């Protein structure tokens, strides 16, 4: 294998991590994430390495790559003017689901004034 092929496969592997992370934040199981990652990586590597089947594989690759970023339910709600639905559980960034009340850290001497 040439260095170019290895670099292309590595670049495709890094690019596929982006939608895979999105699916992980959406709550997909590890087995499903692995299957998705390997399928899109193999498809992308085949397109990058062999130009012949690229004509047929690129549309599948585009759909598989963009699909995790499309939220059908939220998009329909936005079109119909409905308010966003509350999300159970923690924030995808890792914060708490609901804001905590502020803690008063003022020293007792300053509160008396």
C-alpha atoms as a PDB file:
ATOM      1  CA  UNK A   1       0.000   0.000   0.000  1.00  0.00           C
ATOM      2  CA  UNK A   2       1.228   3.475  -0.764  1.00  0.00           C
ATOM      3  CA  UNK A   3       1.489   6.279   1.769  1.00  0.00           C
ATOM      4  CA  UNK A   4      -1.189   8.192  -0.083  1.00  0.00           C
ATOM      5  CA  UNK A   5      -3.714   5.401   0.432  1.00  0.00           C
ATOM      6  CA  UNK A   6      -2.864   5.140   4.116  1.00  0.00           C
ATOM      7  CA  UNK A   7      -3.185   8.917   4.589  1.00  0.00           C
ATOM      8  CA  UNK A   8      -6.528   8.963   2.755  1.00  0.00           C
ATOM      9  CA  UNK A   9      -7.859   6.127   4.937  1.00  0.00           C
ATOM     10  CA  UNK A  10      -6.698   7.997   8.052  1.00  0.00           C
ATOM     11  CA  UNK A  11      -8.305  11.230   6.898  1.00  0.00           C
ATOM     12  CA  UNK A  12     -11.578   9.444   6.190  1.00  0.00           C
ATOM     13  CA  UNK A  13     -11.403   7.816   9.636  1.00  0.00           C
ATOM     14  CA  UNK A  14     -11.050  11.229  11.292  1.00  0.00           C
ATOM     15  CA  UNK A  15     -13.889  12.732   9.268  1.00  0.00           C
ATOM     16  CA  UNK A  16     -16.255   9.880  10.161  1.00  0.00           C
ATOM     17  CA  UNK A  17     -15.678  10.548  13.858  1.00  0.00           C
ATOM     18  CA  UNK A  18     -17.721  13.767  13.605  1.00  0.00           C
ATOM     19  CA  UNK A  19     -21.143  12.225  12.786  1.00  0.00           C
ATOM     20  CA  UNK A  20     -20.350   9.209  14.977  1.00  0.00           C
ATOM     21  CA  UNK A  21     -19.918  11.525  17.967  1.00  0.00           C
ATOM     22  CA  UNK A  22     -23.238  13.170  17.116  1.00  0.00           C
ATOM     23  CA  UNK A  23     -24.930   9.758  17.198  1.00  0.00           C
ATOM     24  CA  UNK A  24     -23.252   8.948  20.507  1.00  0.00           C
ATOM     25  CA  UNK A  25     -24.669  12.144  22.012  1.00  0.00           C
ATOM     26  CA  UNK A  26     -28.084  11.097  20.678  1.00  0.00           C
ATOM     27  CA  UNK A  27     -27.872   7.927  22.781  1.00  0.00           C
ATOM     28  CA  UNK A  28     -26.991   5.205  20.274  1.00  0.00           C
ATOM     29  CA  UNK A  29     -25.590   1.932  21.605  1.00  0.00           C
ATOM     30  CA  UNK A  30     -21.885   1.128  21.221  1.00  0.00           C
ATOM     31  CA  UNK A  31     -22.532  -1.745  18.791  1.00  0.00           C
ATOM     32  CA  UNK A  32     -24.599   0.471  16.513  1.00  0.00           C
ATOM     33  CA  UNK A  33     -21.976   3.211  16.624  1.00  0.00           C
ATOM     34  CA  UNK A  34     -19.236   0.750  15.710  1.00  0.00           C
ATOM     35  CA  UNK A  35     -21.267  -0.631  12.821  1.00  0.00           C
ATOM     36  CA  UNK A  36     -22.052   2.876  11.543  1.00  0.00           C
ATOM     37  CA  UNK A  37     -18.425   4.001  11.867  1.00  0.00           C
ATOM     38  CA  UNK A  38     -17.000   0.976  10.076  1.00  0.00           C
ATOM     39  CA  UNK A  39     -19.588   1.075   7.295  1.00  0.00           C
ATOM     40  CA  UNK A  40     -19.077   4.771   6.542  1.00  0.00           C
ATOM     41  CA  UNK A  41     -15.300   4.451   6.887  1.00  0.00           C
ATOM     42  CA  UNK A  42     -15.152   1.520   4.462  1.00  0.00           C
ATOM     43  CA  UNK A  43     -17.440   3.325   2.029  1.00  0.00           C
ATOM     44  CA  UNK A  44     -15.377   6.525   2.252  1.00  0.00           C
ATOM     45  CA  UNK A  45     -12.095   4.667   1.915  1.00  0.00           C
ATOM     46  CA  UNK A  46     -13.382   2.843  -1.161  1.00  0.00           C
ATOM     47  CA  UNK A  47     -14.400   6.165  -2.731  1.00  0.00           C
ATOM     48  CA  UNK A  48     -11.030   7.737  -1.869  1.00  0.00           C
ATOM     49  CA  UNK A  49      -8.895   4.811  -3.056  1.00  0.00           C
ATOM     50  CA  UNK A  50     -10.715   3.542  -6.158  1.00  0.00           C
ATOM     51  CA  UNK A  51     -12.270   6.159  -8.431  1.00  0.00           C
ATOM     52  CA  UNK A  52     -14.376   3.643 -10.419  1.00  0.00           C
ATOM     53  CA  UNK A  53     -17.209   2.941  -7.940  1.00  0.00           C
ATOM     54  CA  UNK A  54     -17.121   6.500  -6.576  1.00  0.00           C
ATOM     55  CA  UNK A  55     -19.832   7.536  -9.005  1.00  0.00           C
ATOM     56  CA  UNK A  56     -22.293   5.158  -7.351  1.00  0.00           C
ATOM     57  CA  UNK A  57     -21.026   5.307  -3.774  1.00  0.00           C
ATOM     58  CA  UNK A  58     -20.799   9.077  -3.249  1.00  0.00           C
ATOM     59  CA  UNK A  59     -24.594   9.627  -2.900  1.00  0.00           C
ATOM     60  CA  UNK A  60     -24.784   6.892  -0.231  1.00  0.00           C
ATOM     61  CA  UNK A  61     -21.771   8.359   1.519  1.00  0.00           C
ATOM     62  CA  UNK A  62     -23.268  11.858   1.550  1.00  0.00           C
ATOM     63  CA  UNK A  63     -26.566  10.629   3.003  1.00  0.00           C
ATOM     64  CA  UNK A  64     -24.810   8.495   5.628  1.00  0.00           C
ATOM     65  CA  UNK A  65     -22.601  11.415   6.652  1.00  0.00           C
ATOM     66  CA  UNK A  66     -25.323  14.093   6.840  1.00  0.00           C
ATOM     67  CA  UNK A  67     -28.118  11.963   8.354  1.00  0.00           C
ATOM     68  CA  UNK A  68     -26.939  12.257  12.006  1.00  0.00           C
ATOM     69  CA  UNK A  69     -27.195  16.040  11.806  1.00  0.00           C
ATOM     70  CA  UNK A  70     -30.817  16.068  10.610  1.00  0.00           C
ATOM     71  CA  UNK A  71     -33.464  16.173  13.321  1.00  0.00           C
ATOM     72  CA  UNK A  72     -36.793  15.417  11.696  1.00  0.00           C
ATOM     73  CA  UNK A  73     -39.005  15.847  14.759  1.00  0.00           C
ATOM     74  CA  UNK A  74     -37.480  19.185  15.770  1.00  0.00           C
ATOM     75  CA  UNK A  75     -37.597  20.423  12.183  1.00  0.00           C
ATOM     76  CA  UNK A  76     -41.295  19.604  11.818  1.00  0.00           C
ATOM     77  CA  UNK A  77     -42.062  21.258  15.154  1.00  0.00           C
ATOM     78  CA  UNK A  78     -40.188  24.378  14.055  1.00  0.00           C
ATOM     79  CA  UNK A  79     -42.106  24.496  10.745  1.00  0.00           C
ATOM     80  CA  UNK A  80     -45.459  24.156  12.502  1.00  0.00           C
ATOM     81  CA  UNK A  81     -44.577  26.810  15.087  1.00  0.00           C
ATOM     82  CA  UNK A  82     -44.650  24.464  18.083  1.00  0.00           C
ATOM     83  CA  UNK A  83     -42.454  25.206  21.080  1.00  0.00           C
ATOM     84  CA  UNK A  84     -39.381  22.986  21.516  1.00  0.00           C
ATOM     85  CA  UNK A  85     -39.890  19.840  23.560  1.00  0.00           C
ATOM     86  CA  UNK A  86     -38.161  19.527  26.921  1.00  0.00           C
ATOM     87  CA  UNK A  87     -35.238  17.122  26.866  1.00  0.00           C
ATOM     88  CA  UNK A  88     -34.935  14.594  29.699  1.00  0.00           C
ATOM     89  CA  UNK A  89     -31.576  13.854  31.230  1.00  0.00           C
ATOM     90  CA  UNK A  90     -28.327  15.775  31.216  1.00  0.00           C
ATOM     91  CA  UNK A  91     -27.331  18.329  28.621  1.00  0.00           C
ATOM     92  CA  UNK A  92     -25.248  16.757  25.780  1.00  0.00           C
ATOM     93  CA  UNK A  93     -22.345  18.968  26.750  1.00  0.00           C
ATOM     94  CA  UNK A  94     -22.329  17.362  30.184  1.00  0.00           C
ATOM     95  CA  UNK A  95     -24.107  19.953  32.290  1.00  0.00           C
ATOM     96  CA  UNK A  96     -27.122  19.338  34.496  1.00  0.00           C
ATOM     97  CA  UNK A  97     -30.574  18.964  32.969  1.00  0.00           C
ATOM     98  CA  UNK A  98     -31.952  21.980  34.844  1.00  0.00           C
ATOM     99  CA  UNK A  99     -30.081  24.987  36.224  1.00  0.00           C
ATOM    100  CA  UNK A 100     -29.298  24.839  39.906  1.00  0.00           C
ATOM    101  CA  UNK A 101     -30.312  27.719  42.166  1.00  0.00           C
ATOM    102  CA  UNK A 102     -27.533  30.191  42.870  1.00  0.00           C
ATOM    103  CA  UNK A 103     -25.647  29.680  46.100  1.00  0.00           C
ATOM    104  CA  UNK A 104     -25.209  32.729  48.328  1.00  0.00           C
ATOM    105  CA  UNK A 105     -21.509  33.013  49.052  1.00  0.00           C
ATOM    106  CA  UNK A 106     -21.608  36.492  50.586  1.00  0.00           C
ATOM    107  CA  UNK A 107     -19.802  36.586  53.945  1.00  0.00           C
ATOM    108  CA  UNK A 108     -22.169  37.074  56.927  1.00  0.00           C
ATOM    109  CA  UNK A 109     -20.596  40.440  57.798  1.00  0.00           C
ATOM    110  CA  UNK A 110     -21.444  41.909  54.384  1.00  0.00           C
ATOM    111  CA  UNK A 111     -25.052  40.679  54.474  1.00  0.00           C
ATOM    112  CA  UNK A 112     -25.864  42.672  57.623  1.00  0.00           C
ATOM    113  CA  UNK A 113     -25.186  46.074  56.059  1.00  0.00           C
END
